[in-house]
Protein backbone atom coordinates (compact mmCIF):
# COMPACT_ATOMS: atom_id res chain seq x y z
CA MET A 1 -52.16 -27.14 37.23
CA SER A 2 -53.63 -27.12 34.01
CA ILE A 3 -56.73 -25.08 32.64
CA SER A 4 -59.27 -26.80 30.57
CA ILE A 5 -60.06 -26.15 27.07
CA TYR A 6 -63.65 -25.45 28.28
CA ARG A 7 -62.63 -22.85 30.41
CA LEU A 8 -60.34 -21.12 27.84
CA THR A 9 -62.98 -21.12 25.20
CA VAL A 10 -66.61 -21.06 26.13
CA PRO A 11 -66.62 -18.80 29.16
CA MET A 12 -64.24 -16.46 27.57
CA PHE A 13 -66.09 -16.27 24.29
CA GLN A 14 -69.52 -15.70 26.21
CA ARG A 15 -67.58 -12.71 28.27
CA GLY A 16 -66.66 -11.35 24.95
CA ILE A 17 -70.06 -11.72 23.31
CA ALA A 18 -71.77 -10.09 26.56
CA SER A 19 -69.40 -6.85 25.93
CA LEU A 20 -70.43 -6.92 22.48
CA LYS A 21 -74.14 -6.93 23.55
CA THR A 22 -73.48 -4.03 25.92
CA TYR A 23 -72.03 -1.79 23.04
CA LEU A 24 -74.95 -2.41 21.01
CA ASP A 25 -77.17 -1.03 24.01
CA LYS A 26 -74.89 1.89 24.26
CA ALA A 27 -74.62 2.55 20.53
CA GLU A 28 -78.43 2.49 20.17
CA ALA A 29 -79.04 4.73 23.08
CA TYR A 30 -76.24 7.29 21.58
CA ALA A 31 -78.03 7.07 18.13
CA LYS A 32 -81.24 7.96 19.76
CA GLU A 33 -79.74 10.90 22.26
CA LYS A 34 -78.08 12.51 19.13
CA ASN A 35 -80.98 11.72 16.94
CA PHE A 36 -79.22 9.87 14.09
CA ASP A 37 -79.97 6.50 12.28
CA PRO A 38 -77.96 3.50 14.25
CA ALA A 39 -77.29 2.09 10.90
CA ILE A 40 -74.67 4.50 10.78
CA LEU A 41 -72.70 2.88 13.47
CA VAL A 42 -73.41 -0.52 11.98
CA SER A 43 -71.49 0.50 8.82
CA ALA A 44 -68.93 2.64 10.41
CA ARG A 45 -65.29 1.54 10.08
CA LEU A 46 -62.00 2.56 11.26
CA ALA A 47 -59.99 2.78 8.02
CA PRO A 48 -61.31 2.14 4.51
CA ASP A 49 -59.70 -1.34 4.23
CA MET A 50 -61.10 -2.44 7.35
CA LEU A 51 -64.38 -4.41 8.01
CA PRO A 52 -67.41 -2.22 9.29
CA LEU A 53 -68.76 -2.72 12.70
CA ALA A 54 -71.21 -5.44 11.31
CA GLY A 55 -68.22 -7.28 9.70
CA GLN A 56 -66.26 -7.05 13.47
CA TYR A 57 -69.69 -8.69 14.89
CA GLN A 58 -69.77 -11.20 12.25
CA ARG A 59 -66.12 -12.23 12.59
CA ALA A 60 -66.17 -12.37 16.26
CA SER A 61 -69.19 -14.81 16.17
CA ASP A 62 -67.59 -16.84 13.36
CA SER A 63 -64.45 -17.16 15.54
CA THR A 64 -66.40 -18.81 18.40
CA LYS A 65 -68.32 -21.02 16.27
CA PHE A 66 -65.26 -22.10 14.01
CA ALA A 67 -63.06 -22.55 17.10
CA LEU A 68 -65.47 -24.73 18.84
CA ALA A 69 -66.44 -26.81 15.66
CA ARG A 70 -62.65 -27.19 14.79
CA LEU A 71 -61.94 -28.71 18.27
CA THR A 72 -64.84 -31.12 18.19
CA ALA A 73 -64.75 -31.98 14.63
CA THR A 74 -68.41 -30.79 14.11
CA ASP A 75 -70.09 -28.49 11.97
CA ALA A 76 -70.51 -24.90 12.96
CA PRO A 77 -73.71 -23.35 12.34
CA LYS A 78 -73.95 -21.26 9.15
CA PHE A 79 -75.05 -17.52 9.32
CA GLU A 80 -75.68 -15.47 6.44
CA ASP A 81 -73.31 -12.32 7.32
CA ASN A 82 -76.15 -9.89 6.17
CA GLU A 83 -76.56 -8.14 9.52
CA THR A 84 -77.32 -4.36 8.85
CA THR A 85 -79.13 -3.07 11.76
CA ILE A 86 -78.45 -3.15 15.27
CA ASP A 87 -81.30 -5.63 16.02
CA GLU A 88 -79.77 -8.23 13.63
CA LEU A 89 -76.52 -7.94 15.23
CA ARG A 90 -78.24 -8.61 18.53
CA GLU A 91 -79.95 -11.72 16.84
CA ARG A 92 -76.65 -13.02 15.54
CA LEU A 93 -75.25 -12.61 19.15
CA ALA A 94 -78.14 -14.53 20.58
CA LYS A 95 -77.72 -17.41 18.05
CA THR A 96 -74.08 -17.39 19.00
CA ASP A 97 -74.72 -17.55 22.63
CA ALA A 98 -77.26 -20.42 22.00
CA TYR A 99 -74.57 -22.44 20.34
CA LEU A 100 -72.07 -21.80 22.91
CA ALA A 101 -74.58 -22.87 25.60
CA GLY A 102 -74.60 -26.38 23.92
CA PHE A 103 -71.08 -27.07 24.91
CA THR A 104 -69.98 -28.81 28.22
CA ALA A 105 -66.60 -29.36 29.47
CA ASP A 106 -67.03 -33.12 28.60
CA ALA A 107 -67.58 -32.12 25.07
CA LEU A 108 -64.23 -30.43 24.96
CA GLU A 109 -62.25 -33.08 26.98
CA GLY A 110 -59.26 -34.16 25.29
CA THR A 111 -59.29 -31.60 22.56
CA GLU A 112 -56.03 -29.88 23.51
CA SER A 113 -54.16 -32.70 21.55
CA ARG A 114 -56.48 -32.52 18.57
CA GLN A 115 -54.50 -31.50 15.45
CA ILE A 116 -55.99 -28.32 13.81
CA THR A 117 -55.11 -26.92 10.48
CA LEU A 118 -55.28 -23.24 10.58
CA PRO A 119 -57.62 -21.58 8.16
CA GLY A 120 -56.36 -20.15 4.75
CA LYS A 121 -53.48 -21.34 2.71
CA SER A 122 -50.70 -21.42 5.29
CA GLY A 123 -51.07 -25.26 5.93
CA ILE A 124 -50.06 -24.79 9.69
CA VAL A 125 -51.14 -27.60 11.82
CA LEU A 126 -51.34 -26.79 15.58
CA ALA A 127 -52.50 -28.86 18.73
CA GLY A 128 -55.62 -27.85 20.00
CA ASP A 129 -54.40 -25.80 23.15
CA GLU A 130 -52.04 -24.22 20.80
CA TYR A 131 -54.55 -23.32 18.23
CA ILE A 132 -56.53 -21.72 21.12
CA ALA A 133 -54.09 -19.81 22.55
CA THR A 134 -52.21 -18.61 19.61
CA PHE A 135 -55.08 -18.12 16.94
CA ALA A 136 -58.50 -18.47 18.18
CA LEU A 137 -58.65 -16.13 21.08
CA PRO A 138 -56.48 -13.59 19.83
CA ASN A 139 -58.58 -13.51 16.71
CA PHE A 140 -61.67 -13.25 18.58
CA TYR A 141 -60.40 -10.52 20.91
CA PHE A 142 -59.15 -8.70 17.86
CA HIS A 143 -62.66 -8.31 16.56
CA VAL A 144 -64.32 -7.32 19.87
CA ALA A 145 -61.46 -4.72 20.41
CA THR A 146 -61.96 -3.30 16.92
CA ALA A 147 -65.74 -3.19 17.36
CA HIS A 148 -65.02 -1.30 20.63
CA ALA A 149 -62.56 0.93 18.73
CA ILE A 150 -64.98 1.71 16.10
CA LEU A 151 -68.05 2.67 18.44
CA ARG A 152 -65.42 4.71 20.47
CA ASN A 153 -64.32 6.49 17.29
CA GLN A 154 -67.98 7.33 16.42
CA GLY A 155 -68.38 9.12 19.68
CA VAL A 156 -70.11 6.30 21.91
CA PRO A 157 -69.37 6.46 25.44
CA ILE A 158 -67.86 3.41 26.00
CA GLY A 159 -64.59 2.46 27.91
CA LYS A 160 -62.38 -0.07 29.24
CA ARG A 161 -65.05 -1.43 32.02
CA ASP A 162 -67.49 -2.15 29.02
CA TYR A 163 -64.73 -4.30 27.39
CA LEU A 164 -63.86 -6.22 30.53
CA GLY A 165 -67.33 -6.75 31.25
């Protein structure tokens, strides 16, 4: 029995986006409880050479948009990557959710065999199903997990249940 590309993408991305929304709620509540500016969390990072929390949200959002755009040979919406507040990150997630909601199973029918060239200079080409399984989903979850780790490292009381949804 095979699993559809739709089931491997849209609901999975929506679930991760929901976790990212939960993180923002908990981050905002934590900052209020501890009486500090939540923008500190938005700019927090795990290491100097890693993207801050805002960057993790931007890349998670981009991962969903670009995966579906590549699969369907359409253009993904463009977002500015200029979020500096929790509310701006919420707005980005809402726009990402709206984009995801526009996809149906029929729109992704047959995309498992579409040839996708990996971004960057590698020149690697994968079939759609392989692209989703070996690049798009791992990349998306890397950024969701890194956002989780940044907030946890900053003391925000989130745990595995928040990640799993």
